[in-house]
Amino acid sequence: MRTENFSPRDMGNDLPVILFVGDHACFSDIYLRLVRDEVAHFDVVCARHIEEAERVVAEDPQRIAFIIMGSGFGARALVSLSQVKDRAPKVRAVLAYENLAELRRVLTSDDGFRHLEELSFLPMRTKVDATISILQLLISGEQYVSGDVMQILLDQQSGRTKSRGNGSLAGSTEAGATTDPNMCSDDMQGLTARETQVLALLSKGAPNKIIAERLTLSQSTVKLHIHHIIAKLGVRNRTEAAVTYLGANAVRQGDTLR
């Protein structure tokens, strides 16, 4: 029988672990209890301090399936998530945030997060059933990045491009996406009409299931389209593809206004 104590010290079974890291304001016991009730095949624990979370991962990295870090830790959140991913590459990393302003401060405070392409984002200032639905989506193997978060990543990338003059970000591990949006407008022309539709929905943060429903496709077909999109754009993953799409749209809109 599961204990009501969410301390990592009470991990007493062999279930994979969802490790929340944050104070009571971010992850209350009531919220954690609701999550635990919905994910019976996981052990839900919460470390209130980063140091405790890092100790748990170091002691038993194989059991940690997810680490969900509160953005209230600031830049330390990204540093810690990088260290966890370096130690346990299979751990799914999630950054939970209260509002977009806080998230923007965290993302712009660090210039060397090495795993942004694998990072998902969990909004906390929304209905509990919505955050639990996102968690279920992550557990199913999807990555979640909302359209608002995509815009922050795009703004961050554009700012770095300007600060480096006309240099391309291609190949940079310091930026979340590896493609300079000012260089990808032509690449979009290589996509089919259906691939463009898929990419447009993907850029809004829609998961594969929603994309499939909107376009009356199977999820396997959506995955195949995304695979082709990633290959054609020369990016590494769906997040970078979405940022590239948003960047290309911004360039086209700018040209139209001139």
Protein backbone atom coordinates (compact mmCIF):
# COMPACT_ATOMS: atom_id res chain seq x y z
CA MET A 1 0.00 0.00 0.00
CA ARG A 2 1.30 3.45 -0.88
CA THR A 3 2.25 5.88 1.80
CA GLU A 4 0.85 9.42 1.81
CA ASN A 5 4.32 10.81 2.42
CA PHE A 6 5.83 12.04 -0.85
CA SER A 7 9.40 12.25 0.43
CA PRO A 8 11.95 10.37 -1.75
CA ARG A 9 13.15 8.73 1.47
CA ASP A 10 9.96 6.67 1.45
CA MET A 11 10.46 5.09 -1.97
CA GLY A 12 9.70 1.54 -0.95
CA ASN A 13 8.64 -0.35 -4.06
CA ASP A 14 9.95 -1.25 -7.49
CA LEU A 15 7.71 1.05 -9.53
CA PRO A 16 9.31 3.59 -11.88
CA VAL A 17 9.40 7.03 -10.27
CA ILE A 18 8.02 10.41 -11.27
CA LEU A 19 10.21 12.79 -9.28
CA PHE A 20 8.76 16.26 -8.72
CA VAL A 21 11.19 18.92 -7.54
CA GLY A 22 9.73 22.09 -6.06
CA ASP A 23 8.25 23.68 -2.97
CA HIS A 24 4.69 23.31 -1.68
CA ALA A 25 3.56 26.39 -3.61
CA CYS A 26 4.53 24.66 -6.85
CA PHE A 27 3.60 21.05 -6.04
CA SER A 28 1.17 20.81 -3.12
CA ASP A 29 0.48 17.50 -1.41
CA ILE A 30 -3.09 17.66 -2.76
CA TYR A 31 -1.80 18.01 -6.32
CA LEU A 32 0.68 15.17 -5.85
CA ARG A 33 -2.07 12.97 -4.41
CA LEU A 34 -4.25 13.62 -7.46
CA VAL A 35 -1.37 12.76 -9.78
CA ARG A 36 -0.64 9.59 -7.82
CA ASP A 37 -4.26 8.50 -8.12
CA GLU A 38 -4.09 8.90 -11.90
CA VAL A 39 -0.75 7.14 -12.52
CA ALA A 40 -1.04 3.96 -10.49
CA HIS A 41 1.86 2.30 -12.34
CA PHE A 42 4.30 4.97 -11.13
CA ASP A 43 5.58 5.98 -7.72
CA VAL A 44 5.09 9.73 -7.25
CA VAL A 45 7.60 11.43 -4.96
CA CYS A 46 8.63 15.02 -4.39
CA ALA A 47 11.95 16.55 -3.40
CA ARG A 48 11.55 20.05 -2.01
CA HIS A 49 15.19 20.97 -2.72
CA ILE A 50 17.40 20.45 -5.77
CA GLU A 51 20.17 18.86 -3.69
CA GLU A 52 17.79 16.18 -2.45
CA ALA A 53 16.60 15.45 -5.99
CA GLU A 54 20.15 15.10 -7.29
CA ARG A 55 20.97 12.72 -4.44
CA VAL A 56 17.95 10.54 -5.30
CA VAL A 57 18.96 10.35 -8.96
CA ALA A 58 22.55 9.55 -8.04
CA GLU A 59 21.49 6.73 -5.69
CA ASP A 60 18.99 5.02 -7.99
CA PRO A 61 19.04 6.50 -11.53
CA GLN A 62 17.43 3.45 -13.12
CA ARG A 63 14.17 3.96 -11.23
CA ILE A 64 13.67 7.59 -12.21
CA ALA A 65 11.40 7.77 -15.26
CA PHE A 66 10.58 11.49 -15.10
CA ILE A 67 12.02 14.47 -13.28
CA ILE A 68 9.65 17.45 -13.20
CA MET A 69 11.51 20.55 -12.03
CA GLY A 70 9.80 23.74 -10.89
CA SER A 71 11.00 26.86 -12.68
CA GLY A 72 10.96 28.71 -9.35
CA PHE A 73 14.56 27.55 -8.90
CA GLY A 74 15.59 29.90 -11.70
CA ALA A 75 18.70 29.12 -13.73
CA ARG A 76 19.58 26.36 -11.23
CA ALA A 77 16.66 24.37 -12.62
CA LEU A 78 18.31 24.07 -16.05
CA VAL A 79 21.73 23.39 -14.56
CA SER A 80 20.31 20.59 -12.42
CA LEU A 81 18.29 19.09 -15.28
CA SER A 82 21.44 19.07 -17.43
CA GLN A 83 23.34 17.23 -14.71
CA VAL A 84 20.54 14.72 -14.26
CA LYS A 85 20.38 14.05 -18.01
CA ASP A 86 24.15 13.61 -18.14
CA ARG A 87 23.97 11.07 -15.32
CA ALA A 88 20.79 9.30 -16.49
CA PRO A 89 20.14 9.99 -20.21
CA LYS A 90 16.90 7.99 -20.28
CA VAL A 91 15.21 10.17 -17.68
CA ARG A 92 12.49 12.36 -19.23
CA ALA A 93 13.05 15.98 -18.19
CA VAL A 94 10.14 18.38 -17.68
CA LEU A 95 10.20 22.04 -16.65
CA ALA A 96 7.07 23.10 -14.74
CA TYR A 97 6.25 26.81 -14.74
CA GLU A 98 3.73 29.11 -13.06
CA ASN A 99 3.58 31.73 -15.81
CA LEU A 100 5.29 32.62 -19.07
CA ALA A 101 7.21 35.55 -17.60
CA GLU A 102 8.86 33.24 -15.07
CA LEU A 103 9.60 30.68 -17.76
CA ARG A 104 11.12 33.31 -20.03
CA ARG A 105 13.46 34.45 -17.24
CA VAL A 106 14.64 30.89 -16.68
CA LEU A 107 15.19 30.10 -20.34
CA THR A 108 17.09 33.32 -20.99
CA SER A 109 19.18 33.05 -17.82
CA ASP A 110 21.18 30.07 -19.05
CA ASP A 111 23.17 29.88 -22.28
CA GLY A 112 24.37 26.31 -22.10
CA PHE A 113 21.47 23.92 -21.47
CA ARG A 114 22.47 20.88 -23.47
CA HIS A 115 19.17 18.98 -23.66
CA LEU A 116 16.58 21.55 -24.71
CA GLU A 117 15.49 19.40 -27.63
CA GLU A 118 14.36 16.72 -25.14
CA LEU A 119 12.71 19.06 -22.66
CA SER A 120 8.94 19.17 -22.14
CA PHE A 121 7.06 21.95 -20.40
CA LEU A 122 4.27 21.65 -17.84
CA PRO A 123 2.06 24.72 -17.18
CA MET A 124 0.90 24.80 -13.55
CA ARG A 125 -1.47 27.78 -13.61
CA THR A 126 -4.21 25.83 -15.31
CA LYS A 127 -6.87 23.34 -14.28
CA VAL A 128 -5.54 20.30 -12.45
CA ASP A 129 -7.17 17.92 -14.90
CA ALA A 130 -5.37 19.73 -17.74
CA THR A 131 -1.94 19.30 -16.14
CA ILE A 132 -2.71 15.65 -15.44
CA SER A 133 -3.74 15.20 -19.08
CA ILE A 134 -0.38 16.63 -20.14
CA LEU A 135 1.37 14.23 -17.76
CA GLN A 136 -0.55 11.32 -19.31
CA LEU A 137 0.59 12.57 -22.72
CA LEU A 138 4.22 12.61 -21.56
CA ILE A 139 3.90 9.14 -20.06
CA SER A 140 2.62 7.88 -23.41
CA GLY A 141 5.94 8.97 -24.94
CA GLU A 142 4.99 12.35 -26.38
CA GLN A 143 6.87 15.60 -25.86
CA TYR A 144 4.82 18.65 -24.84
CA VAL A 145 5.76 22.18 -25.85
CA SER A 146 2.90 24.69 -26.11
CA GLY A 147 2.69 27.35 -28.79
CA ASP A 148 3.44 30.06 -26.22
CA VAL A 149 6.60 28.27 -25.16
CA MET A 150 7.56 27.82 -28.81
CA GLN A 151 7.35 31.59 -29.21
CA ILE A 152 9.67 32.13 -26.25
CA LEU A 153 12.18 29.71 -27.76
CA LEU A 154 11.91 31.49 -31.09
CA ASP A 155 12.40 34.91 -29.47
CA GLN A 156 15.41 33.58 -27.60
CA GLN A 157 16.91 32.14 -30.76
CA SER A 158 16.31 35.36 -32.71
CA GLY A 159 17.96 37.39 -29.97
CA ARG A 160 21.05 35.22 -30.07
CA THR A 161 21.19 35.50 -33.83
CA LYS A 162 21.16 39.32 -33.62
CA SER A 163 23.79 39.34 -30.87
CA ARG A 164 26.12 37.29 -33.07
CA GLY A 165 25.65 39.43 -36.16
CA ASN A 166 24.84 37.48 -39.30
CA GLY A 167 26.32 34.22 -38.02
CA SER A 168 24.19 31.11 -38.29
CA LEU A 169 23.12 29.12 -35.26
CA ALA A 170 23.42 25.90 -37.19
CA GLY A 171 25.17 23.27 -35.12
CA SER A 172 25.10 25.34 -31.94
CA THR A 173 24.29 23.38 -28.80
CA GLU A 174 23.81 26.60 -26.89
CA ALA A 175 20.61 27.44 -28.72
CA GLY A 176 17.50 25.36 -28.33
CA ALA A 177 17.13 25.04 -32.09
CA THR A 178 19.92 24.53 -34.54
CA THR A 179 18.51 26.41 -37.49
CA ASP A 180 18.51 30.14 -38.06
CA PRO A 181 14.91 31.07 -38.98
CA ASN A 182 16.19 33.69 -41.42
CA MET A 183 17.79 30.89 -43.43
CA CYS A 184 14.83 28.50 -43.61
CA SER A 185 12.09 30.23 -45.56
CA ASP A 186 13.16 28.44 -48.74
CA ASP A 187 13.27 25.10 -46.92
CA MET A 188 9.53 25.31 -46.28
CA GLN A 189 8.92 25.13 -50.01
CA GLY A 190 10.16 21.55 -49.98
CA LEU A 191 7.29 20.43 -47.77
CA THR A 192 4.10 18.99 -49.19
CA ALA A 193 0.77 20.65 -48.43
CA ARG A 194 -0.07 17.94 -45.90
CA GLU A 195 3.33 18.19 -44.22
CA THR A 196 2.82 21.95 -43.90
CA GLN A 197 -0.57 21.36 -42.26
CA VAL A 198 0.99 18.92 -39.82
CA LEU A 199 3.82 21.31 -39.04
CA ALA A 200 1.43 24.23 -38.48
CA LEU A 201 -0.47 22.25 -35.83
CA LEU A 202 2.75 20.92 -34.34
CA SER A 203 4.03 24.50 -33.96
CA LYS A 204 0.97 25.28 -31.82
CA GLY A 205 1.93 22.54 -29.39
CA ALA A 206 -0.60 19.99 -30.62
CA PRO A 207 0.31 16.36 -29.80
CA ASN A 208 0.16 13.66 -32.45
CA LYS A 209 -3.28 12.49 -31.34
CA ILE A 210 -4.81 15.95 -31.81
CA ILE A 211 -3.05 16.45 -35.15
CA ALA A 212 -4.43 13.11 -36.31
CA GLU A 213 -7.96 14.06 -35.28
CA ARG A 214 -7.80 17.51 -36.87
CA LEU A 215 -6.50 16.20 -40.20
CA THR A 216 -8.41 12.88 -40.16
CA LEU A 217 -5.22 10.84 -40.20
CA SER A 218 -3.94 7.91 -38.20
CA GLN A 219 -1.33 8.64 -35.53
CA SER A 220 1.17 6.44 -37.36
CA THR A 221 0.69 8.57 -40.50
CA VAL A 222 1.24 11.74 -38.45
CA LYS A 223 4.47 10.28 -37.04
CA LEU A 224 5.62 9.47 -40.58
CA HIS A 225 4.86 13.03 -41.74
CA ILE A 226 6.82 14.44 -38.80
CA HIS A 227 9.73 12.14 -39.62
CA HIS A 228 9.76 13.49 -43.20
CA ILE A 229 9.43 17.10 -41.99
CA ILE A 230 12.41 16.73 -39.65
CA ALA A 231 14.50 15.20 -42.44
CA LYS A 232 13.57 17.85 -45.00
CA LEU A 233 14.21 20.78 -42.66
CA GLY A 234 17.51 19.33 -41.47
CA VAL A 235 16.59 19.66 -37.79
CA ARG A 236 16.91 17.17 -34.94
CA ASN A 237 13.39 16.92 -33.55
CA ARG A 238 9.82 18.23 -33.58
CA THR A 239 10.64 21.15 -31.29
CA GLU A 240 13.27 22.49 -33.67
CA ALA A 241 10.93 21.90 -36.61
CA ALA A 242 8.24 23.99 -34.92
CA VAL A 243 10.69 26.80 -34.09
CA THR A 244 11.90 26.76 -37.69
CA TYR A 245 8.32 27.02 -38.96
CA LEU A 246 7.53 29.95 -36.66
CA GLY A 247 10.75 31.67 -37.71
CA ALA A 248 9.99 31.22 -41.41
CA ASN A 249 6.49 32.63 -40.89
CA ALA A 250 7.95 35.66 -39.09
CA VAL A 251 10.30 36.29 -42.01
CA ARG A 252 7.47 36.03 -44.55
CA GLN A 253 5.28 38.38 -42.55
CA GLY A 254 8.16 40.86 -42.30
CA ASP A 255 8.67 40.75 -46.07
CA THR A 256 4.97 41.35 -46.62
CA LEU A 257 5.00 44.46 -44.45
CA ARG A 258 7.95 46.03 -46.28
